Amino acid sequence: MDSKLILDKLTNAVDDKRAYDIRVFDVSQTSSVSDYVIICHGTSDRQVKAIADEVQEVAEELEIDTHIEGYREGKWVLIDVDDVIVHVFMKTEREYYNLERLFYDGEAIEV
């Protein structure tokens, strides 16, 4: 499946659950692991989990297997969906880890 189509569906999924400050990076030229990275945050662990659940539902609809880390704690959930990696944070964890700085070499995509 086309990674751009997956990206569009997943970006809509996190937006549907009202994720904050959604950032998308095209890392296809600098990463051998994925083509795109989505970074966003929620205001509570329940919202973070709801966003992660929505991402997984969309992946299931697209018949894509996922790998998920950090769901139980709900502070930083990483979901690997084929060529798109989704990071869903609590705001404090996002500010602390500041993953965006790692992807400055990748092209930021307007959402």
PDB file of N, CA and C in Angstrom:
ATOM      1  N   MET A   1       0.841  -1.180   0.000  1.00  0.00           N
ATOM      2  CA  MET A   1       0.000   0.000   0.000  1.00  0.00           C
ATOM      3  C   MET A   1       0.889   1.248   0.000  1.00  0.00           C
ATOM      4  N   ASP A   2       0.433   2.278  -0.653  1.00  0.00           N
ATOM      5  CA  ASP A   2       1.160   3.531  -0.774  1.00  0.00           C
ATOM      6  C   ASP A   2       1.300   4.209   0.590  1.00  0.00           C
ATOM      7  N   SER A   3       2.533   4.559   0.969  1.00  0.00           N
ATOM      8  CA  SER A   3       2.767   5.160   2.287  1.00  0.00           C
ATOM      9  C   SER A   3       2.120   6.534   2.418  1.00  0.00           C
ATOM     10  N   LYS A   4       1.957   7.262   1.319  1.00  0.00           N
ATOM     11  CA  LYS A   4       1.281   8.574   1.372  1.00  0.00           C
ATOM     12  C   LYS A   4      -0.195   8.409   1.726  1.00  0.00           C
ATOM     13  N   LEU A   5      -0.835   7.379   1.199  1.00  0.00           N
ATOM     14  CA  LEU A   5      -2.233   7.092   1.537  1.00  0.00           C
ATOM     15  C   LEU A   5      -2.354   6.714   3.016  1.00  0.00           C
ATOM     16  N   ILE A   6      -1.441   5.886   3.489  1.00  0.00           N
ATOM     17  CA  ILE A   6      -1.428   5.514   4.904  1.00  0.00           C
ATOM     18  C   ILE A   6      -1.252   6.763   5.764  1.00  0.00           C
ATOM     19  N   LEU A   7      -0.309   7.614   5.379  1.00  0.00           N
ATOM     20  CA  LEU A   7      -0.065   8.857   6.114  1.00  0.00           C
ATOM     21  C   LEU A   7      -1.326   9.704   6.194  1.00  0.00           C
ATOM     22  N   ASP A   8      -1.994   9.886   5.071  1.00  0.00           N
ATOM     23  CA  ASP A   8      -3.210  10.707   5.058  1.00  0.00           C
ATOM     24  C   ASP A   8      -4.278  10.144   5.985  1.00  0.00           C
ATOM     25  N   LYS A   9      -4.484   8.832   5.937  1.00  0.00           N
ATOM     26  CA  LYS A   9      -5.502   8.202   6.794  1.00  0.00           C
ATOM     27  C   LYS A   9      -5.139   8.340   8.273  1.00  0.00           C
ATOM     28  N   LEU A  10      -3.861   8.149   8.607  1.00  0.00           N
ATOM     29  CA  LEU A  10      -3.444   8.228  10.008  1.00  0.00           C
ATOM     30  C   LEU A  10      -3.467   9.669  10.517  1.00  0.00           C
ATOM     31  N   THR A  11      -3.108  10.612   9.664  1.00  0.00           N
ATOM     32  CA  THR A  11      -3.178  12.020  10.060  1.00  0.00           C
ATOM     33  C   THR A  11      -4.620  12.410  10.357  1.00  0.00           C
ATOM     34  N   ASN A  12      -5.537  11.961   9.523  1.00  0.00           N
ATOM     35  CA  ASN A  12      -6.959  12.221   9.776  1.00  0.00           C
ATOM     36  C   ASN A  12      -7.424  11.556  11.070  1.00  0.00           C
ATOM     37  N   ALA A  13      -6.896  10.367  11.344  1.00  0.00           N
ATOM     38  CA  ALA A  13      -7.290   9.643  12.559  1.00  0.00           C
ATOM     39  C   ALA A  13      -6.886  10.399  13.822  1.00  0.00           C
ATOM     40  N   VAL A  14      -5.643  10.890  13.873  1.00  0.00           N
ATOM     41  CA  VAL A  14      -5.218  11.613  15.076  1.00  0.00           C
ATOM     42  C   VAL A  14      -5.957  12.947  15.188  1.00  0.00           C
ATOM     43  N   ASP A  15      -6.238  13.563  14.042  1.00  0.00           N
ATOM     44  CA  ASP A  15      -7.001  14.814  14.057  1.00  0.00           C
ATOM     45  C   ASP A  15      -8.436  14.575  14.525  1.00  0.00           C
ATOM     46  N   ASP A  16      -9.040  13.465  14.114  1.00  0.00           N
ATOM     47  CA  ASP A  16     -10.402  13.134  14.539  1.00  0.00           C
ATOM     48  C   ASP A  16     -10.515  12.999  16.058  1.00  0.00           C
ATOM     49  N   LYS A  17      -9.443  12.570  16.702  1.00  0.00           N
ATOM     50  CA  LYS A  17      -9.442  12.430  18.163  1.00  0.00           C
ATOM     51  C   LYS A  17      -8.898  13.680  18.848  1.00  0.00           C
ATOM     52  N   ARG A  18      -8.827  14.761  18.094  1.00  0.00           N
ATOM     53  CA  ARG A  18      -8.445  16.078  18.602  1.00  0.00           C
ATOM     54  C   ARG A  18      -7.038  16.125  19.205  1.00  0.00           C
ATOM     55  N   ALA A  19      -6.107  15.432  18.552  1.00  0.00           N
ATOM     56  CA  ALA A  19      -4.711  15.521  18.969  1.00  0.00           C
ATOM     57  C   ALA A  19      -4.228  16.954  18.776  1.00  0.00           C
ATOM     58  N   TYR A  20      -3.302  17.360  19.605  1.00  0.00           N
ATOM     59  CA  TYR A  20      -2.771  18.719  19.565  1.00  0.00           C
ATOM     60  C   TYR A  20      -1.445  18.762  18.817  1.00  0.00           C
ATOM     61  N   ASP A  21      -1.211  19.900  18.161  1.00  0.00           N
ATOM     62  CA  ASP A  21       0.070  20.221  17.518  1.00  0.00           C
ATOM     63  C   ASP A  21       0.593  19.041  16.688  1.00  0.00           C
ATOM     64  N   ILE A  22      -0.188  18.634  15.706  1.00  0.00           N
ATOM     65  CA  ILE A  22       0.177  17.503  14.853  1.00  0.00           C
ATOM     66  C   ILE A  22       1.288  17.939  13.911  1.00  0.00           C
ATOM     67  N   ARG A  23       2.392  17.225  13.955  1.00  0.00           N
ATOM     68  CA  ARG A  23       3.537  17.496  13.074  1.00  0.00           C
ATOM     69  C   ARG A  23       3.819  16.242  12.261  1.00  0.00           C
ATOM     70  N   VAL A  24       4.089  16.431  10.986  1.00  0.00           N
ATOM     71  CA  VAL A  24       4.394  15.320  10.093  1.00  0.00           C
ATOM     72  C   VAL A  24       5.726  15.609   9.414  1.00  0.00           C
ATOM     73  N   PHE A  25       6.591  14.602   9.384  1.00  0.00           N
ATOM     74  CA  PHE A  25       7.902  14.735   8.757  1.00  0.00           C
ATOM     75  C   PHE A  25       8.086  13.651   7.708  1.00  0.00           C
ATOM     76  N   ASP A  26       8.579  14.053   6.554  1.00  0.00           N
ATOM     77  CA  ASP A  26       8.968  13.118   5.503  1.00  0.00           C
ATOM     78  C   ASP A  26      10.425  12.767   5.758  1.00  0.00           C
ATOM     79  N   VAL A  27      10.664  11.551   6.189  1.00  0.00           N
ATOM     80  CA  VAL A  27      12.024  11.107   6.505  1.00  0.00           C
ATOM     81  C   VAL A  27      12.502  10.049   5.516  1.00  0.00           C
ATOM     82  N   SER A  28      11.816   9.947   4.387  1.00  0.00           N
ATOM     83  CA  SER A  28      12.125   8.902   3.409  1.00  0.00           C
ATOM     84  C   SER A  28      13.555   8.993   2.862  1.00  0.00           C
ATOM     85  N   GLN A  29      14.110  10.186   2.828  1.00  0.00           N
ATOM     86  CA  GLN A  29      15.466  10.360   2.306  1.00  0.00           C
ATOM     87  C   GLN A  29      16.546  10.153   3.362  1.00  0.00           C
ATOM     88  N   THR A  30      16.143  10.141   4.639  1.00  0.00           N
ATOM     89  CA  THR A  30      17.140  10.046   5.711  1.00  0.00           C
ATOM     90  C   THR A  30      16.968   8.819   6.598  1.00  0.00           C
ATOM     91  N   SER A  31      15.915   8.046   6.377  1.00  0.00           N
ATOM     92  CA  SER A  31      15.647   6.891   7.237  1.00  0.00           C
ATOM     93  C   SER A  31      15.402   5.643   6.390  1.00  0.00           C
ATOM     94  N   SER A  32      15.938   4.546   6.857  1.00  0.00           N
ATOM     95  CA  SER A  32      15.660   3.266   6.189  1.00  0.00           C
ATOM     96  C   SER A  32      14.520   2.529   6.888  1.00  0.00           C
ATOM     97  N   VAL A  33      14.016   3.098   7.971  1.00  0.00           N
ATOM     98  CA  VAL A  33      12.987   2.455   8.776  1.00  0.00           C
ATOM     99  C   VAL A  33      11.581   2.871   8.354  1.00  0.00           C
ATOM    100  N   SER A  34      11.406   4.146   8.028  1.00  0.00           N
ATOM    101  CA  SER A  34      10.069   4.629   7.685  1.00  0.00           C
ATOM    102  C   SER A  34      10.158   5.763   6.675  1.00  0.00           C
ATOM    103  N   ASP A  35       8.998   6.077   6.083  1.00  0.00           N
ATOM    104  CA  ASP A  35       8.925   7.197   5.148  1.00  0.00           C
ATOM    105  C   ASP A  35       8.432   8.467   5.837  1.00  0.00           C
ATOM    106  N   TYR A  36       7.549   8.282   6.836  1.00  0.00           N
ATOM    107  CA  TYR A  36       6.937   9.430   7.512  1.00  0.00           C
ATOM    108  C   TYR A  36       6.898   9.205   9.016  1.00  0.00           C
ATOM    109  N   VAL A  37       6.922  10.315   9.743  1.00  0.00           N
ATOM    110  CA  VAL A  37       6.766  10.304  11.191  1.00  0.00           C
ATOM    111  C   VAL A  37       5.681  11.322  11.537  1.00  0.00           C
ATOM    112  N   ILE A  38       4.730  10.891  12.368  1.00  0.00           N
ATOM    113  CA  ILE A  38       3.702  11.783  12.895  1.00  0.00           C
ATOM    114  C   ILE A  38       3.968  11.951  14.381  1.00  0.00           C
ATOM    115  N   ILE A  39       3.977  13.193  14.840  1.00  0.00           N
ATOM    116  CA  ILE A  39       4.147  13.489  16.261  1.00  0.00           C
ATOM    117  C   ILE A  39       2.984  14.370  16.692  1.00  0.00           C
ATOM    118  N   CYS A  40       2.345  13.995  17.802  1.00  0.00           N
ATOM    119  CA  CYS A  40       1.232  14.783  18.334  1.00  0.00           C
ATOM    120  C   CYS A  40       1.136  14.532  19.835  1.00  0.00           C
ATOM    121  N   HIS A  41       0.230  15.257  20.495  1.00  0.00           N
ATOM    122  CA  HIS A  41       0.041  14.999  21.928  1.00  0.00           C
ATOM    123  C   HIS A  41      -1.419  15.172  22.316  1.00  0.00           C
ATOM    124  N   GLY A  42      -1.721  14.583  23.472  1.00  0.00           N
ATOM    125  CA  GLY A  42      -3.025  14.708  24.096  1.00  0.00           C
ATOM    126  C   GLY A  42      -2.870  15.355  25.454  1.00  0.00           C
ATOM    127  N   THR A  43      -4.001  15.671  26.077  1.00  0.00           N
ATOM    128  CA  THR A  43      -3.956  16.373  27.363  1.00  0.00           C
ATOM    129  C   THR A  43      -4.152  15.452  28.559  1.00  0.00           C
ATOM    130  N   SER A  44      -4.457  14.181  28.297  1.00  0.00           N
ATOM    131  CA  SER A  44      -4.611  13.213  29.390  1.00  0.00           C
ATOM    132  C   SER A  44      -4.216  11.842  28.864  1.00  0.00           C
ATOM    133  N   ASP A  45      -3.936  10.920  29.792  1.00  0.00           N
ATOM    134  CA  ASP A  45      -3.580   9.574  29.348  1.00  0.00           C
ATOM    135  C   ASP A  45      -4.749   8.911  28.620  1.00  0.00           C
ATOM    136  N   ARG A  46      -5.970   9.259  28.992  1.00  0.00           N
ATOM    137  CA  ARG A  46      -7.147   8.710  28.287  1.00  0.00           C
ATOM    138  C   ARG A  46      -7.194   9.196  26.849  1.00  0.00           C
ATOM    139  N   GLN A  47      -6.890  10.463  26.625  1.00  0.00           N
ATOM    140  CA  GLN A  47      -6.896  10.971  25.258  1.00  0.00           C
ATOM    141  C   GLN A  47      -5.752  10.365  24.452  1.00  0.00           C
ATOM    142  N   VAL A  48      -4.583  10.238  25.051  1.00  0.00           N
ATOM    143  CA  VAL A  48      -3.447   9.615  24.365  1.00  0.00           C
ATOM    144  C   VAL A  48      -3.822   8.206  23.925  1.00  0.00           C
ATOM    145  N   LYS A  49      -4.455   7.442  24.821  1.00  0.00           N
ATOM    146  CA  LYS A  49      -4.862   6.081  24.472  1.00  0.00           C
ATOM    147  C   LYS A  49      -5.954   6.077  23.410  1.00  0.00           C
ATOM    148  N   ALA A  50      -6.868   7.031  23.468  1.00  0.00           N
ATOM    149  CA  ALA A  50      -7.930   7.115  22.454  1.00  0.00           C
ATOM    150  C   ALA A  50      -7.341   7.409  21.076  1.00  0.00           C
ATOM    151  N   ILE A  51      -6.353   8.277  21.033  1.00  0.00           N
ATOM    152  CA  ILE A  51      -5.678   8.576  19.763  1.00  0.00           C
ATOM    153  C   ILE A  51      -4.985   7.320  19.245  1.00  0.00           C
ATOM    154  N   ALA A  52      -4.273   6.626  20.133  1.00  0.00           N
ATOM    155  CA  ALA A  52      -3.590   5.394  19.740  1.00  0.00           C
ATOM    156  C   ALA A  52      -4.584   4.333  19.274  1.00  0.00           C
ATOM    157  N   ASP A  53      -5.708   4.217  19.955  1.00  0.00           N
ATOM    158  CA  ASP A  53      -6.749   3.262  19.545  1.00  0.00           C
ATOM    159  C   ASP A  53      -7.259   3.580  18.146  1.00  0.00           C
ATOM    160  N   GLU A  54      -7.464   4.856  17.863  1.00  0.00           N
ATOM    161  CA  GLU A  54      -7.963   5.274  16.543  1.00  0.00           C
ATOM    162  C   GLU A  54      -6.938   4.949  15.456  1.00  0.00           C
ATOM    163  N   VAL A  55      -5.676   5.161  15.738  1.00  0.00           N
ATOM    164  CA  VAL A  55      -4.619   4.820  14.781  1.00  0.00           C
ATOM    165  C   VAL A  55      -4.646   3.326  14.494  1.00  0.00           C
ATOM    166  N   GLN A  56      -4.783   2.522  15.547  1.00  0.00           N
ATOM    167  CA  GLN A  56      -4.819   1.075  15.355  1.00  0.00           C
ATOM    168  C   GLN A  56      -6.067   0.641  14.571  1.00  0.00           C
ATOM    169  N   GLU A  57      -7.197   1.283  14.829  1.00  0.00           N
ATOM    170  CA  GLU A  57      -8.414   0.953  14.082  1.00  0.00           C
ATOM    171  C   GLU A  57      -8.252   1.224  12.599  1.00  0.00           C
ATOM    172  N   VAL A  58      -7.675   2.364  12.273  1.00  0.00           N
ATOM    173  CA  VAL A  58      -7.453   2.710  10.870  1.00  0.00           C
ATOM    174  C   VAL A  58      -6.493   1.705  10.229  1.00  0.00           C
ATOM    175  N   ALA A  59      -5.451   1.339  10.950  1.00  0.00           N
ATOM    176  CA  ALA A  59      -4.508   0.347  10.429  1.00  0.00           C
ATOM    177  C   ALA A  59      -5.209  -0.985  10.166  1.00  0.00           C
ATOM    178  N   GLU A  60      -6.082  -1.390  11.076  1.00  0.00           N
ATOM    179  CA  GLU A  60      -6.839  -2.633  10.873  1.00  0.00           C
ATOM    180  C   GLU A  60      -7.728  -2.535   9.636  1.00  0.00           C
ATOM    181  N   GLU A  61      -8.390  -1.384   9.451  1.00  0.00           N
ATOM    182  CA  GLU A  61      -9.228  -1.184   8.265  1.00  0.00           C
ATOM    183  C   GLU A  61      -8.402  -1.287   6.987  1.00  0.00           C
ATOM    184  N   LEU A  62      -7.152  -0.831   7.056  1.00  0.00           N
ATOM    185  CA  LEU A  62      -6.258  -0.903   5.903  1.00  0.00           C
ATOM    186  C   LEU A  62      -5.561  -2.261   5.800  1.00  0.00           C
ATOM    187  N   GLU A  63      -5.860  -3.139   6.759  1.00  0.00           N
ATOM    188  CA  GLU A  63      -5.273  -4.486   6.836  1.00  0.00           C
ATOM    189  C   GLU A  63      -3.753  -4.437   6.964  1.00  0.00           C
ATOM    190  N   ILE A  64      -3.287  -3.546   7.847  1.00  0.00           N
ATOM    191  CA  ILE A  64      -1.864  -3.395   8.120  1.00  0.00           C
ATOM    192  C   ILE A  64      -1.603  -3.800   9.562  1.00  0.00           C
ATOM    193  N   ASP A  65      -0.639  -4.674   9.766  1.00  0.00           N
ATOM    194  CA  ASP A  65      -0.239  -5.053  11.122  1.00  0.00           C
ATOM    195  C   ASP A  65       0.506  -3.891  11.761  1.00  0.00           C
ATOM    196  N   THR A  66       0.312  -3.728  13.063  1.00  0.00           N
ATOM    197  CA  THR A  66       0.987  -2.654  13.788  1.00  0.00           C
ATOM    198  C   THR A  66       1.828  -3.232  14.912  1.00  0.00           C
ATOM    199  N   HIS A  67       2.749  -2.439  15.371  1.00  0.00           N
ATOM    200  CA  HIS A  67       3.500  -2.731  16.588  1.00  0.00           C
ATOM    201  C   HIS A  67       3.340  -1.506  17.468  1.00  0.00           C
ATOM    202  N   ILE A  68       2.985  -1.727  18.733  1.00  0.00           N
ATOM    203  CA  ILE A  68       2.719  -0.606  19.635  1.00  0.00           C
ATOM    204  C   ILE A  68       3.539  -0.757  20.913  1.00  0.00           C
ATOM    205  N   GLU A  69       4.048   0.366  21.395  1.00  0.00           N
ATOM    206  CA  GLU A  69       4.822   0.419  22.642  1.00  0.00           C
ATOM    207  C   GLU A  69       4.293   1.544  23.505  1.00  0.00           C
ATOM    208  N   GLY A  70       4.275   1.357  24.826  1.00  0.00           N
ATOM    209  CA  GLY A  70       3.951   2.419  25.768  1.00  0.00           C
ATOM    210  C   GLY A  70       2.477   2.644  26.025  1.00  0.00           C
ATOM    211  N   TYR A  71       1.621   1.794  25.486  1.00  0.00           N
ATOM    212  CA  TYR A  71       0.180   2.017  25.598  1.00  0.00           C
ATOM    213  C   TYR A  71      -0.292   1.964  27.053  1.00  0.00           C
ATOM    214  N   ARG A  72       0.192   1.014  27.808  1.00  0.00           N
ATOM    215  CA  ARG A  72      -0.283   0.827  29.184  1.00  0.00           C
ATOM    216  C   ARG A  72      -0.091   2.078  30.024  1.00  0.00           C
ATOM    217  N   GLU A  73       1.067   2.718  29.891  1.00  0.00           N
ATOM    218  CA  GLU A  73       1.345   3.920  30.674  1.00  0.00           C
ATOM    219  C   GLU A  73       0.600   5.135  30.141  1.00  0.00           C
ATOM    220  N   GLY A  74       0.430   5.209  28.827  1.00  0.00           N
ATOM    221  CA  GLY A  74      -0.316   6.308  28.221  1.00  0.00           C
ATOM    222  C   GLY A  74       0.383   7.651  28.246  1.00  0.00           C
ATOM    223  N   LYS A  75       1.702   7.651  28.394  1.00  0.00           N
ATOM    224  CA  LYS A  75       2.448   8.912  28.416  1.00  0.00           C
ATOM    225  C   LYS A  75       3.162   9.164  27.088  1.00  0.00           C
ATOM    226  N   TRP A  76       3.640   8.098  26.480  1.00  0.00           N
ATOM    227  CA  TRP A  76       4.267   8.168  25.158  1.00  0.00           C
ATOM    228  C   TRP A  76       3.975   6.851  24.474  1.00  0.00           C
ATOM    229  N   VAL A  77       3.111   6.901  23.480  1.00  0.00           N
ATOM    230  CA  VAL A  77       2.743   5.692  22.750  1.00  0.00           C
ATOM    231  C   VAL A  77       3.355   5.787  21.363  1.00  0.00           C
ATOM    232  N   LEU A  78       4.084   4.750  20.986  1.00  0.00           N
ATOM    233  CA  LEU A  78       4.674   4.660  19.659  1.00  0.00           C
ATOM    234  C   LEU A  78       3.933   3.568  18.903  1.00  0.00           C
ATOM    235  N   ILE A  79       3.446   3.905  17.701  1.00  0.00           N
ATOM    236  CA  ILE A  79       2.745   2.926  16.879  1.00  0.00           C
ATOM    237  C   ILE A  79       3.444   2.862  15.531  1.00  0.00           C
ATOM    238  N   ASP A  80       3.932   1.684  15.189  1.00  0.00           N
ATOM    239  CA  ASP A  80       4.597   1.450  13.909  1.00  0.00           C
ATOM    240  C   ASP A  80       3.560   0.890  12.945  1.00  0.00           C
ATOM    241  N   VAL A  81       3.219   1.683  11.924  1.00  0.00           N
ATOM    242  CA  VAL A  81       2.213   1.286  10.942  1.00  0.00           C
ATOM    243  C   VAL A  81       2.889   1.283   9.573  1.00  0.00           C
ATOM    244  N   ASP A  82       3.445   0.142   9.208  1.00  0.00           N
ATOM    245  CA  ASP A  82       4.111  -0.011   7.915  1.00  0.00           C
ATOM    246  C   ASP A  82       5.201   1.048   7.760  1.00  0.00           C
ATOM    247  N   ASP A  83       5.071   1.977   6.818  1.00  0.00           N
ATOM    248  CA  ASP A  83       6.097   2.993   6.580  1.00  0.00           C
ATOM    249  C   ASP A  83       5.830   4.306   7.300  1.00  0.00           C
ATOM    250  N   VAL A  84       4.916   4.292   8.262  1.00  0.00           N
ATOM    251  CA  VAL A  84       4.593   5.488   9.040  1.00  0.00           C
ATOM    252  C   VAL A  84       4.730   5.152  10.522  1.00  0.00           C
ATOM    253  N   ILE A  85       5.458   5.989  11.236  1.00  0.00           N
ATOM    254  CA  ILE A  85       5.593   5.821  12.680  1.00  0.00           C
ATOM    255  C   ILE A  85       4.854   6.972  13.349  1.00  0.00           C
ATOM    256  N   VAL A  86       3.990   6.632  14.313  1.00  0.00           N
ATOM    257  CA  VAL A  86       3.178   7.624  15.004  1.00  0.00           C
ATOM    258  C   VAL A  86       3.619   7.684  16.468  1.00  0.00           C
ATOM    259  N   HIS A  87       3.943   8.879  16.924  1.00  0.00           N
ATOM    260  CA  HIS A  87       4.285   9.120  18.324  1.00  0.00           C
ATOM    261  C   HIS A  87       3.155   9.953  18.924  1.00  0.00           C
ATOM    262  N   VAL A  88       2.525   9.423  19.969  1.00  0.00           N
ATOM    263  CA  VAL A  88       1.464  10.149  20.667  1.00  0.00           C
ATOM    264  C   VAL A  88       1.930  10.355  22.107  1.00  0.00           C
ATOM    265  N   PHE A  89       2.070  11.593  22.490  1.00  0.00           N
ATOM    266  CA  PHE A  89       2.620  11.951  23.796  1.00  0.00           C
ATOM    267  C   PHE A  89       1.579  12.606  24.695  1.00  0.00           C
ATOM    268  N   MET A  90       1.864  12.605  25.975  1.00  0.00           N
ATOM    269  CA  MET A  90       1.313  13.597  26.894  1.00  0.00           C
ATOM    270  C   MET A  90       2.160  14.848  26.651  1.00  0.00           C
ATOM    271  N   LYS A  91       1.606  16.019  26.859  1.00  0.00           N
ATOM    272  CA  LYS A  91       2.317  17.259  26.532  1.00  0.00           C
ATOM    273  C   LYS A  91       3.659  17.368  27.260  1.00  0.00           C
ATOM    274  N   THR A  92       3.687  17.025  28.539  1.00  0.00           N
ATOM    275  CA  THR A  92       4.936  17.166  29.303  1.00  0.00           C
ATOM    276  C   THR A  92       6.035  16.259  28.756  1.00  0.00           C
ATOM    277  N   GLU A  93       5.689  15.037  28.374  1.00  0.00           N
ATOM    278  CA  GLU A  93       6.681  14.118  27.811  1.00  0.00           C
ATOM    279  C   GLU A  93       7.160  14.610  26.445  1.00  0.00           C
ATOM    280  N   ARG A  94       6.232  15.146  25.668  1.00  0.00           N
ATOM    281  CA  ARG A  94       6.620  15.664  24.354  1.00  0.00           C
ATOM    282  C   ARG A  94       7.620  16.801  24.496  1.00  0.00           C
ATOM    283  N   GLU A  95       7.356  17.706  25.425  1.00  0.00           N
ATOM    284  CA  GLU A  95       8.274  18.823  25.637  1.00  0.00           C
ATOM    285  C   GLU A  95       9.626  18.334  26.149  1.00  0.00           C
ATOM    286  N   TYR A  96       9.617  17.337  27.015  1.00  0.00           N
ATOM    287  CA  TYR A  96      10.859  16.826  27.590  1.00  0.00           C
ATOM    288  C   TYR A  96      11.725  16.146  26.530  1.00  0.00           C
ATOM    289  N   TYR A  97      11.140  15.242  25.745  1.00  0.00           N
ATOM    290  CA  TYR A  97      11.907  14.471  24.769  1.00  0.00           C
ATOM    291  C   TYR A  97      12.161  15.235  23.471  1.00  0.00           C
ATOM    292  N   ASN A  98      11.287  16.169  23.120  1.00  0.00           N
ATOM    293  CA  ASN A  98      11.476  17.051  21.966  1.00  0.00           C
ATOM    294  C   ASN A  98      11.950  16.293  20.722  1.00  0.00           C
ATOM    295  N   LEU A  99      11.184  15.294  20.322  1.00  0.00           N
ATOM    296  CA  LEU A  99      11.564  14.480  19.166  1.00  0.00           C
ATOM    297  C   LEU A  99      11.662  15.284  17.879  1.00  0.00           C
ATOM    298  N   GLU A 100      10.929  16.363  17.779  1.00  0.00           N
ATOM    299  CA  GLU A 100      10.976  17.158  16.555  1.00  0.00           C
ATOM    300  C   GLU A 100      12.397  17.542  16.174  1.00  0.00           C
ATOM    301  N   ARG A 101      13.248  17.763  17.150  1.00  0.00           N
ATOM    302  CA  ARG A 101      14.618  18.168  16.851  1.00  0.00           C
ATOM    303  C   ARG A 101      15.375  17.076  16.108  1.00  0.00           C
ATOM    304  N   LEU A 102      14.952  15.810  16.277  1.00  0.00           N
ATOM    305  CA  LEU A 102      15.603  14.703  15.583  1.00  0.00           C
ATOM    306  C   LEU A 102      15.260  14.666  14.100  1.00  0.00           C
ATOM    307  N   PHE A 103      14.143  15.268  13.746  1.00  0.00           N
ATOM    308  CA  PHE A 103      13.661  15.166  12.369  1.00  0.00           C
ATOM    309  C   PHE A 103      13.825  16.449  11.577  1.00  0.00           C
ATOM    310  N   TYR A 104      14.643  17.375  12.062  1.00  0.00           N
ATOM    311  CA  TYR A 104      14.844  18.624  11.336  1.00  0.00           C
ATOM    312  C   TYR A 104      15.374  18.363   9.933  1.00  0.00           C
ATOM    313  N   ASP A 105      16.149  17.286   9.739  1.00  0.00           N
ATOM    314  CA  ASP A 105      16.660  16.949   8.408  1.00  0.00           C
ATOM    315  C   ASP A 105      15.538  16.488   7.480  1.00  0.00           C
ATOM    316  N   GLY A 106      14.489  15.938   8.071  1.00  0.00           N
ATOM    317  CA  GLY A 106      13.352  15.518   7.265  1.00  0.00           C
ATOM    318  C   GLY A 106      12.500  16.712   6.908  1.00  0.00           C
ATOM    319  N   GLU A 107      11.803  16.606   5.813  1.00  0.00           N
ATOM    320  CA  GLU A 107      10.938  17.699   5.366  1.00  0.00           C
ATOM    321  C   GLU A 107       9.663  17.732   6.184  1.00  0.00           C
ATOM    322  N   ALA A 108       9.386  18.869   6.816  1.00  0.00           N
ATOM    323  CA  ALA A 108       8.127  19.012   7.549  1.00  0.00           C
ATOM    324  C   ALA A 108       7.006  19.177   6.535  1.00  0.00           C
ATOM    325  N   ILE A 109       5.906  18.481   6.774  1.00  0.00           N
ATOM    326  CA  ILE A 109       4.764  18.515   5.879  1.00  0.00           C
ATOM    327  C   ILE A 109       3.641  19.266   6.574  1.00  0.00           C
ATOM    328  N   GLU A 110       3.041  20.193   5.894  1.00  0.00           N
ATOM    329  CA  GLU A 110       1.924  20.954   6.456  1.00  0.00           C
ATOM    330  C   GLU A 110       0.708  20.047   6.600  1.00  0.00           C
ATOM    331  N   VAL A 111       0.086  20.086   7.763  1.00  0.00           N
ATOM    332  CA  VAL A 111      -1.093  19.244   8.026  1.00  0.00           C
ATOM    333  C   VAL A 111      -2.337  20.090   7.875  1.00  0.00           C
TER     334      VAL A 111
END
